[in-house]
Amino acid sequence: MEKKKEQLKKILEKVDLTKTQRDRAIDLYTNVCKSIEEKSGLEISFYPQGSFATKTAIRPYTNGRERAYDVDVICEANIEKGAINPKKLKAYFKYALENSRYSNIFTEWDKCFTIDFKEQEGVDFSIDIIPSVPEDSETIQWLMGVTENPYLVKSSVAIPDTFLENDIWLTNNPKGYVEWFENEVQHFHARYLLEMRDNSFSASIEELPEGEMNNSLLNVIKILKRTRDVFYYRRKSENKPSSIIITTIIGKLAKNLKPTSSELDLLIQVITQLQQIKTNSTNKLSKRMEITGYAISDIITCDRGEWVLNNPANGNDNLLNSWNDDETKVKDFFIWVDNLRDTFSMIIENDEAEKSTIEFYDAFAIDLPESGIEKKQFSVTPSSTKPWRCK
């Protein structure tokens, strides 16, 4: 098992974004947002959302240009929602971009503006600028009554949707979501430290490496995201679950995972939970963990054919709505989970076998180290569930 842990560490180094890439992203979106603020005359606060904000972003494949790495950035204008309409807000942003150095590299979509930057380190890069305003008090009050964590709702924003003839606001709460996720990670780490003390580990808290405390839960998400991309590409399927589904499941499962486990052990714990969805989510007992014995049955439910995974920071957002619209997404999800079980069970059971090592790296579509044989690399088609752009 130690050999596999070391191999996984090397794989994660290849999957993770480099410090240079992260720093470049921050510099670029900061410059873009400051330019928009200057050109538009609006007072704007800006912050990343999604994988970049939760520190679970992974590198795209490097053998093609089908998919660039992108960062979603919320640009929150200090304007009351009732004082402006969605199209007018977007018009401010469009004017600012048209009169900036980004005028030739941006594209307008229904809910955002995408700015494409030149390739660096073999990776294309883009920024999605998402205009928004603070959500109104009436909507905030309503959300507090339907959201799992009402204290998070106050950071909600309204985002313009101008698809076709639309001129409407959509409610979102990326800042609240990140706060929730960070809280779950911190609680997981607190249990880690407590278990370390209880088990009389020789190292003191101060001597524990920072990475050891901070990365295991995040790494499980990165593992799932990378293997997801590879699996769905090889199936030629566009049904892959969005990153927020994976992140939410892991965040909600965190309190039921053993914190001192290795990434591989945590992954097996997660896979075991995910396998129960097919069995337990289709009956009324699925909502009672004390009956099923699995925490996942309180996280993902299926009541009268409707799949539900609630956004912990936005009670108006069922993250599995796409499953209810297309049952093939549910079918493919279960096939992926079964594939995860088969792949990683075989890898762990055959720890020293050469075939196991090959299968391990192949699951991530990564070359074997120090190998003279070029393994086939796999590109990924863009997700059909891109949250902001119109297809």
Protein backbone atom coordinates (compact mmCIF):
# COMPACT_ATOMS: atom_id res chain seq x y z
CA MET A 1 0.00 0.00 0.00
CA GLU A 2 2.91 2.36 0.71
CA LYS A 3 4.00 2.02 -2.92
CA LYS A 4 0.55 3.04 -4.13
CA LYS A 5 0.46 6.00 -1.75
CA GLU A 6 3.75 7.25 -3.20
CA GLN A 7 2.48 6.74 -6.74
CA LEU A 8 -0.71 8.63 -5.93
CA LYS A 9 1.34 11.51 -4.56
CA LYS A 10 3.20 11.74 -7.89
CA ILE A 11 -0.05 11.52 -9.83
CA LEU A 12 -1.60 14.33 -7.80
CA GLU A 13 1.44 16.50 -8.49
CA LYS A 14 0.74 16.11 -12.21
CA VAL A 15 -3.01 16.67 -11.83
CA ASP A 16 -2.76 19.72 -9.58
CA LEU A 17 -2.33 23.26 -10.85
CA THR A 18 1.15 24.63 -10.41
CA LYS A 19 1.79 27.62 -8.17
CA THR A 20 2.69 29.58 -11.30
CA GLN A 21 -0.67 28.79 -12.87
CA ARG A 22 -2.58 29.74 -9.74
CA ASP A 23 -0.65 32.99 -9.34
CA ARG A 24 -1.16 33.82 -13.00
CA ALA A 25 -4.91 33.28 -12.68
CA ILE A 26 -5.12 35.60 -9.67
CA ASP A 27 -3.08 38.32 -11.38
CA LEU A 28 -5.13 38.12 -14.57
CA TYR A 29 -8.59 38.20 -13.03
CA THR A 30 -7.54 40.97 -10.64
CA ASN A 31 -6.37 43.10 -13.57
CA VAL A 32 -9.52 42.35 -15.57
CA CYS A 33 -11.86 43.25 -12.73
CA LYS A 34 -10.00 46.45 -11.89
CA SER A 35 -10.18 47.45 -15.55
CA ILE A 36 -13.95 46.81 -15.63
CA GLU A 37 -14.39 48.86 -12.47
CA GLU A 38 -12.41 51.76 -13.94
CA LYS A 39 -14.08 51.73 -17.37
CA SER A 40 -17.64 51.17 -16.14
CA GLY A 41 -17.56 53.62 -13.25
CA LEU A 42 -19.13 50.96 -11.02
CA GLU A 43 -17.93 50.08 -7.54
CA ILE A 44 -17.15 46.37 -7.79
CA SER A 45 -15.98 43.65 -5.42
CA PHE A 46 -14.73 40.48 -7.06
CA TYR A 47 -13.88 36.96 -5.95
CA PRO A 48 -13.45 33.52 -7.55
CA GLN A 49 -16.08 30.84 -7.28
CA GLY A 50 -16.12 27.11 -7.93
CA SER A 51 -13.08 24.83 -7.95
CA PHE A 52 -10.55 27.65 -7.84
CA ALA A 53 -12.19 29.07 -4.71
CA THR A 54 -12.48 25.69 -2.97
CA LYS A 55 -8.87 24.79 -3.88
CA THR A 56 -10.00 21.68 -5.73
CA ALA A 57 -9.10 22.78 -9.27
CA ILE A 58 -7.21 20.31 -11.44
CA ARG A 59 -5.15 20.74 -14.58
CA PRO A 60 -6.79 20.18 -17.96
CA TYR A 61 -5.26 17.68 -20.38
CA THR A 62 -2.29 19.01 -22.32
CA ASN A 63 -2.51 17.15 -25.64
CA GLY A 64 -5.16 19.32 -27.27
CA ARG A 65 -7.14 22.54 -27.12
CA GLU A 66 -10.60 21.12 -26.60
CA ARG A 67 -10.75 22.37 -23.06
CA ALA A 68 -8.99 25.36 -21.51
CA TYR A 69 -8.62 25.78 -17.79
CA ASP A 70 -11.04 28.46 -16.70
CA VAL A 71 -11.67 30.45 -13.54
CA ASP A 72 -15.14 31.76 -12.71
CA VAL A 73 -15.06 35.20 -11.09
CA ILE A 74 -18.05 36.91 -9.51
CA CYS A 75 -18.02 40.67 -10.05
CA GLU A 76 -20.47 42.12 -7.54
CA ALA A 77 -21.52 45.68 -8.33
CA ASN A 78 -22.54 47.87 -5.40
CA ILE A 79 -26.01 48.58 -6.81
CA GLU A 80 -29.39 47.67 -5.37
CA LYS A 81 -31.10 44.99 -7.40
CA GLY A 82 -34.24 47.09 -7.76
CA ALA A 83 -32.28 50.03 -9.18
CA ILE A 84 -31.07 48.25 -12.34
CA ASN A 85 -32.29 45.55 -14.70
CA PRO A 86 -30.19 42.55 -15.79
CA LYS A 87 -29.55 43.72 -19.36
CA LYS A 88 -28.45 47.15 -18.15
CA LEU A 89 -25.94 45.60 -15.74
CA LYS A 90 -24.49 43.46 -18.51
CA ALA A 91 -24.32 46.52 -20.76
CA TYR A 92 -22.02 48.26 -18.24
CA PHE A 93 -19.66 45.29 -18.30
CA LYS A 94 -19.76 44.94 -22.08
CA TYR A 95 -18.95 48.64 -22.54
CA ALA A 96 -16.03 48.36 -20.13
CA LEU A 97 -14.57 45.34 -21.94
CA GLU A 98 -15.07 46.87 -25.39
CA ASN A 99 -13.07 49.90 -24.27
CA SER A 100 -10.24 47.95 -22.66
CA ARG A 101 -7.19 46.00 -23.79
CA TYR A 102 -9.39 42.88 -23.64
CA SER A 103 -11.68 44.11 -26.44
CA ASN A 104 -10.48 41.52 -28.98
CA ILE A 105 -10.31 38.49 -26.69
CA PHE A 106 -13.68 38.44 -24.91
CA THR A 107 -16.93 36.68 -25.80
CA GLU A 108 -20.36 37.56 -24.45
CA TRP A 109 -22.65 34.80 -23.17
CA ASP A 110 -26.07 34.78 -21.50
CA LYS A 111 -24.74 35.13 -17.96
CA CYS A 112 -21.07 35.99 -18.31
CA PHE A 113 -18.21 37.28 -20.42
CA THR A 114 -15.33 34.93 -21.25
CA ILE A 115 -11.82 36.26 -21.76
CA ASP A 116 -9.38 33.87 -23.45
CA PHE A 117 -5.68 34.23 -22.74
CA LYS A 118 -2.66 32.83 -24.53
CA GLU A 119 -1.35 29.37 -23.72
CA GLN A 120 1.24 29.09 -20.98
CA GLU A 121 2.94 25.92 -19.69
CA GLY A 122 1.00 23.99 -22.32
CA VAL A 123 -2.35 25.05 -20.81
CA ASP A 124 -4.93 27.35 -22.34
CA PHE A 125 -6.54 29.68 -19.85
CA SER A 126 -9.75 31.67 -19.70
CA ILE A 127 -11.69 33.75 -17.20
CA ASP A 128 -15.47 33.86 -16.93
CA ILE A 129 -16.52 37.26 -15.61
CA ILE A 130 -19.98 36.97 -14.01
CA PRO A 131 -21.77 40.29 -13.34
CA SER A 132 -23.93 40.38 -10.23
CA VAL A 133 -25.56 42.60 -7.62
CA PRO A 134 -26.47 41.84 -3.98
CA GLU A 135 -29.68 39.84 -3.70
CA ASP A 136 -32.69 41.82 -2.43
CA SER A 137 -33.90 41.53 1.17
CA GLU A 138 -37.19 39.84 0.25
CA THR A 139 -35.41 37.03 -1.58
CA ILE A 140 -32.86 36.72 1.23
CA GLN A 141 -35.66 36.32 3.75
CA TRP A 142 -37.31 33.62 1.65
CA LEU A 143 -34.01 31.77 1.15
CA MET A 144 -33.38 31.71 4.89
CA GLY A 145 -36.52 29.63 5.28
CA VAL A 146 -35.58 26.98 2.70
CA THR A 147 -31.78 26.69 3.01
CA GLU A 148 -29.94 24.08 5.10
CA ASN A 149 -27.60 26.70 6.53
CA PRO A 150 -29.60 29.95 6.78
CA TYR A 151 -26.66 31.92 8.20
CA LEU A 152 -24.92 31.63 4.80
CA VAL A 153 -27.72 33.20 2.79
CA LYS A 154 -26.87 36.85 3.42
CA SER A 155 -24.02 36.72 0.89
CA SER A 156 -26.38 35.72 -1.96
CA VAL A 157 -26.17 37.59 -5.26
CA ALA A 158 -28.43 38.08 -8.27
CA ILE A 159 -26.95 37.21 -11.66
CA PRO A 160 -28.39 38.41 -14.99
CA ASP A 161 -29.77 35.89 -17.47
CA THR A 162 -30.34 37.32 -20.93
CA PHE A 163 -30.84 34.06 -22.86
CA LEU A 164 -32.85 34.80 -26.01
CA GLU A 165 -35.30 37.49 -24.89
CA ASN A 166 -34.81 36.90 -21.17
CA ASP A 167 -34.13 39.80 -18.85
CA ILE A 168 -34.27 38.06 -15.48
CA TRP A 169 -32.24 37.59 -12.31
CA LEU A 170 -30.96 34.23 -11.07
CA THR A 171 -30.10 33.72 -7.41
CA ASN A 172 -26.69 32.31 -6.54
CA ASN A 173 -24.52 32.19 -3.44
CA PRO A 174 -20.93 31.25 -4.34
CA LYS A 175 -19.42 33.06 -1.37
CA GLY A 176 -21.74 31.24 1.05
CA TYR A 177 -20.94 27.91 -0.61
CA VAL A 178 -17.20 28.41 -0.20
CA GLU A 179 -17.71 29.37 3.45
CA TRP A 180 -19.70 26.17 4.02
CA PHE A 181 -17.08 24.01 2.30
CA GLU A 182 -14.19 25.59 4.19
CA ASN A 183 -16.05 25.00 7.47
CA GLU A 184 -16.49 21.31 6.63
CA VAL A 185 -12.80 20.99 5.77
CA GLN A 186 -11.79 22.73 9.01
CA HIS A 187 -14.01 20.40 11.07
CA PHE A 188 -12.47 17.43 9.28
CA HIS A 189 -8.98 18.68 10.16
CA ALA A 190 -10.00 19.28 13.77
CA ARG A 191 -11.08 15.65 14.04
CA TYR A 192 -7.82 14.65 12.40
CA LEU A 193 -5.80 16.43 15.08
CA LEU A 194 -7.98 15.02 17.86
CA GLU A 195 -7.57 11.49 16.56
CA MET A 196 -3.83 11.99 16.27
CA ARG A 197 -3.74 12.96 19.96
CA ASP A 198 -6.01 10.11 21.03
CA ASN A 199 -3.84 7.60 19.22
CA SER A 200 -0.74 8.98 20.96
CA PHE A 201 1.11 9.86 17.78
CA SER A 202 4.65 10.93 18.54
CA ALA A 203 4.50 14.20 16.62
CA SER A 204 3.12 17.28 18.32
CA ILE A 205 0.57 19.48 16.57
CA GLU A 206 3.24 22.02 15.75
CA GLU A 207 5.43 19.35 14.18
CA LEU A 208 2.76 17.96 11.87
CA PRO A 209 3.40 18.96 8.23
CA GLU A 210 0.89 21.53 7.04
CA GLY A 211 0.19 19.61 3.84
CA GLU A 212 -0.69 16.48 5.79
CA MET A 213 -3.39 18.36 7.66
CA ASN A 214 -4.79 20.32 4.76
CA ASN A 215 -4.84 18.19 1.64
CA SER A 216 -6.38 14.74 2.10
CA LEU A 217 -10.04 15.70 1.67
CA LEU A 218 -9.23 18.08 -1.18
CA ASN A 219 -7.12 15.41 -2.86
CA VAL A 220 -10.00 12.93 -2.82
CA ILE A 221 -12.07 15.48 -4.74
CA LYS A 222 -9.25 15.97 -7.24
CA ILE A 223 -8.92 12.20 -7.68
CA LEU A 224 -12.65 11.87 -8.34
CA LYS A 225 -12.66 14.78 -10.79
CA ARG A 226 -9.71 13.50 -12.80
CA THR A 227 -10.93 9.90 -12.98
CA ARG A 228 -14.39 11.24 -13.86
CA ASP A 229 -12.98 13.20 -16.81
CA VAL A 230 -11.05 10.19 -18.10
CA PHE A 231 -13.94 7.75 -17.64
CA TYR A 232 -16.58 9.90 -19.32
CA TYR A 233 -14.26 10.80 -22.19
CA ARG A 234 -13.54 7.15 -22.89
CA ARG A 235 -17.28 6.43 -22.86
CA LYS A 236 -17.75 9.37 -25.24
CA SER A 237 -20.39 10.61 -22.82
CA GLU A 238 -21.28 14.20 -22.01
CA ASN A 239 -23.20 13.15 -18.90
CA LYS A 240 -20.42 13.59 -16.38
CA PRO A 241 -21.48 15.02 -13.00
CA SER A 242 -20.47 18.63 -12.46
CA SER A 243 -17.65 19.46 -10.08
CA ILE A 244 -20.04 21.07 -7.59
CA ILE A 245 -21.90 17.75 -7.26
CA ILE A 246 -18.66 15.96 -6.34
CA THR A 247 -17.49 18.72 -4.00
CA THR A 248 -20.87 18.89 -2.24
CA ILE A 249 -21.06 15.13 -1.74
CA ILE A 250 -17.56 15.01 -0.23
CA GLY A 251 -18.21 18.09 1.91
CA LYS A 252 -21.40 16.57 3.31
CA LEU A 253 -19.78 13.15 3.80
CA ALA A 254 -16.71 14.58 5.56
CA LYS A 255 -18.08 14.17 9.08
CA ASN A 256 -18.56 10.44 8.40
CA LEU A 257 -15.08 9.79 7.00
CA LYS A 258 -12.10 8.67 9.07
CA PRO A 259 -9.81 11.75 9.11
CA THR A 260 -6.47 9.96 9.64
CA SER A 261 -7.02 7.72 6.60
CA SER A 262 -4.80 8.01 3.56
CA GLU A 263 -6.25 9.44 0.35
CA LEU A 264 -6.71 5.92 -1.02
CA ASP A 265 -8.51 4.76 2.12
CA LEU A 266 -10.72 7.85 2.07
CA LEU A 267 -11.50 7.20 -1.58
CA ILE A 268 -12.65 3.65 -0.80
CA GLN A 269 -14.84 5.00 2.03
CA VAL A 270 -16.43 7.46 -0.41
CA ILE A 271 -16.95 4.82 -3.11
CA THR A 272 -18.62 2.54 -0.55
CA GLN A 273 -21.02 5.37 0.34
CA LEU A 274 -21.73 6.22 -3.32
CA GLN A 275 -22.61 2.62 -4.13
CA GLN A 276 -25.47 2.80 -1.64
CA ILE A 277 -27.30 5.47 -3.64
CA LYS A 278 -28.56 2.95 -6.16
CA THR A 279 -29.86 0.68 -3.38
CA ASN A 280 -31.10 3.09 -0.73
CA SER A 281 -32.14 6.29 -2.49
CA THR A 282 -35.22 4.78 -4.11
CA ASN A 283 -37.13 3.91 -0.94
CA LYS A 284 -38.64 5.93 1.86
CA LEU A 285 -36.07 4.71 4.37
CA SER A 286 -33.33 6.40 2.35
CA LYS A 287 -33.83 9.62 4.31
CA ARG A 288 -33.06 7.92 7.62
CA MET A 289 -29.40 7.16 8.09
CA GLU A 290 -30.10 5.30 11.32
CA ILE A 291 -32.02 2.73 9.27
CA THR A 292 -29.78 2.43 6.20
CA GLY A 293 -26.50 2.85 8.07
CA TYR A 294 -25.04 5.03 5.33
CA ALA A 295 -24.69 8.82 5.53
CA ILE A 296 -25.10 9.18 1.77
CA SER A 297 -28.78 8.25 2.11
CA ASP A 298 -29.36 11.54 3.93
CA ILE A 299 -27.35 13.48 1.35
CA ILE A 300 -28.74 12.25 -1.97
CA THR A 301 -32.39 11.21 -2.02
CA CYS A 302 -34.89 10.12 -4.63
CA ASP A 303 -38.51 10.75 -3.70
CA ARG A 304 -41.14 9.70 -6.25
CA GLY A 305 -38.54 9.70 -9.00
CA GLU A 306 -37.09 13.12 -8.16
CA TRP A 307 -33.39 13.19 -7.35
CA VAL A 308 -32.30 15.78 -4.80
CA LEU A 309 -28.92 17.04 -3.63
CA ASN A 310 -29.45 20.38 -1.95
CA ASN A 311 -26.96 23.20 -2.34
CA PRO A 312 -26.00 23.85 1.31
CA ALA A 313 -25.92 27.61 0.75
CA ASN A 314 -28.88 28.06 -1.59
CA GLY A 315 -32.16 26.29 -0.84
CA ASN A 316 -33.45 27.17 -4.30
CA ASP A 317 -30.75 25.08 -5.98
CA ASN A 318 -31.16 21.32 -6.42
CA LEU A 319 -27.80 20.24 -7.80
CA LEU A 320 -29.34 17.12 -9.38
CA ASN A 321 -31.98 18.83 -11.50
CA SER A 322 -30.15 17.61 -14.60
CA TRP A 323 -30.65 14.01 -13.42
CA ASN A 324 -34.39 14.59 -13.30
CA ASP A 325 -34.30 15.95 -16.85
CA ASP A 326 -32.19 13.12 -18.31
CA GLU A 327 -32.19 9.64 -16.76
CA THR A 328 -29.10 8.63 -18.78
CA LYS A 329 -27.08 10.89 -16.47
CA VAL A 330 -28.18 8.78 -13.51
CA LYS A 331 -27.35 5.56 -15.35
CA ASP A 332 -23.88 6.81 -16.33
CA PHE A 333 -23.21 8.00 -12.79
CA PHE A 334 -23.84 4.53 -11.37
CA ILE A 335 -21.65 2.96 -14.08
CA TRP A 336 -18.87 5.39 -13.14
CA VAL A 337 -19.20 4.52 -9.44
CA ASP A 338 -19.03 0.79 -10.24
CA ASN A 339 -15.96 1.46 -12.37
CA LEU A 340 -14.33 3.32 -9.47
CA ARG A 341 -15.00 0.35 -7.19
CA ASP A 342 -13.61 -2.19 -9.64
CA THR A 343 -10.57 -0.12 -10.60
CA PHE A 344 -9.39 0.87 -7.15
CA SER A 345 -10.23 -2.46 -5.51
CA MET A 346 -8.03 -4.19 -8.07
CA ILE A 347 -5.26 -1.63 -7.62
CA ILE A 348 -5.23 -2.02 -3.83
CA GLU A 349 -5.52 -5.82 -3.84
CA ASN A 350 -2.59 -6.15 -6.26
CA ASP A 351 -0.35 -3.57 -4.64
CA GLU A 352 2.99 -4.82 -5.97
CA ALA A 353 1.88 -6.15 -9.34
CA GLU A 354 3.17 -4.39 -12.45
CA LYS A 355 -0.30 -4.61 -14.00
CA SER A 356 -1.70 -2.80 -10.98
CA THR A 357 0.72 0.08 -11.48
CA ILE A 358 -0.19 0.35 -15.16
CA GLU A 359 -3.91 0.35 -14.32
CA PHE A 360 -3.33 2.95 -11.62
CA TYR A 361 -1.72 5.47 -13.95
CA ASP A 362 -4.12 4.60 -16.75
CA ALA A 363 -7.11 5.49 -14.55
CA PHE A 364 -5.74 9.06 -14.55
CA ALA A 365 -4.55 8.95 -18.20
CA ILE A 366 -1.04 9.81 -17.06
CA ASP A 367 2.26 8.45 -18.41
CA LEU A 368 4.10 5.91 -16.31
CA PRO A 369 7.16 7.55 -14.70
CA GLU A 370 10.55 6.89 -16.28
CA SER A 371 8.91 4.98 -19.08
CA GLY A 372 10.21 5.05 -22.62
CA ILE A 373 6.79 4.10 -23.91
CA GLU A 374 4.45 6.94 -24.67
CA LYS A 375 1.04 6.12 -23.21
CA LYS A 376 -2.01 7.39 -25.01
CA GLN A 377 -3.20 10.72 -23.66
CA PHE A 378 -6.87 11.53 -23.46
CA SER A 379 -8.49 14.86 -24.16
CA VAL A 380 -11.79 15.94 -22.65
CA THR A 381 -14.71 17.45 -24.44
CA PRO A 382 -16.26 20.51 -22.79
CA SER A 383 -18.91 19.76 -20.21
CA SER A 384 -22.47 20.14 -21.45
CA THR A 385 -23.38 21.55 -18.05
CA LYS A 386 -21.09 24.58 -18.19
CA PRO A 387 -22.73 26.75 -15.53
CA TRP A 388 -22.51 30.17 -17.12
CA ARG A 389 -21.96 29.96 -20.85
CA CYS A 390 -24.68 29.28 -23.35
CA LYS A 391 -24.19 26.35 -25.70
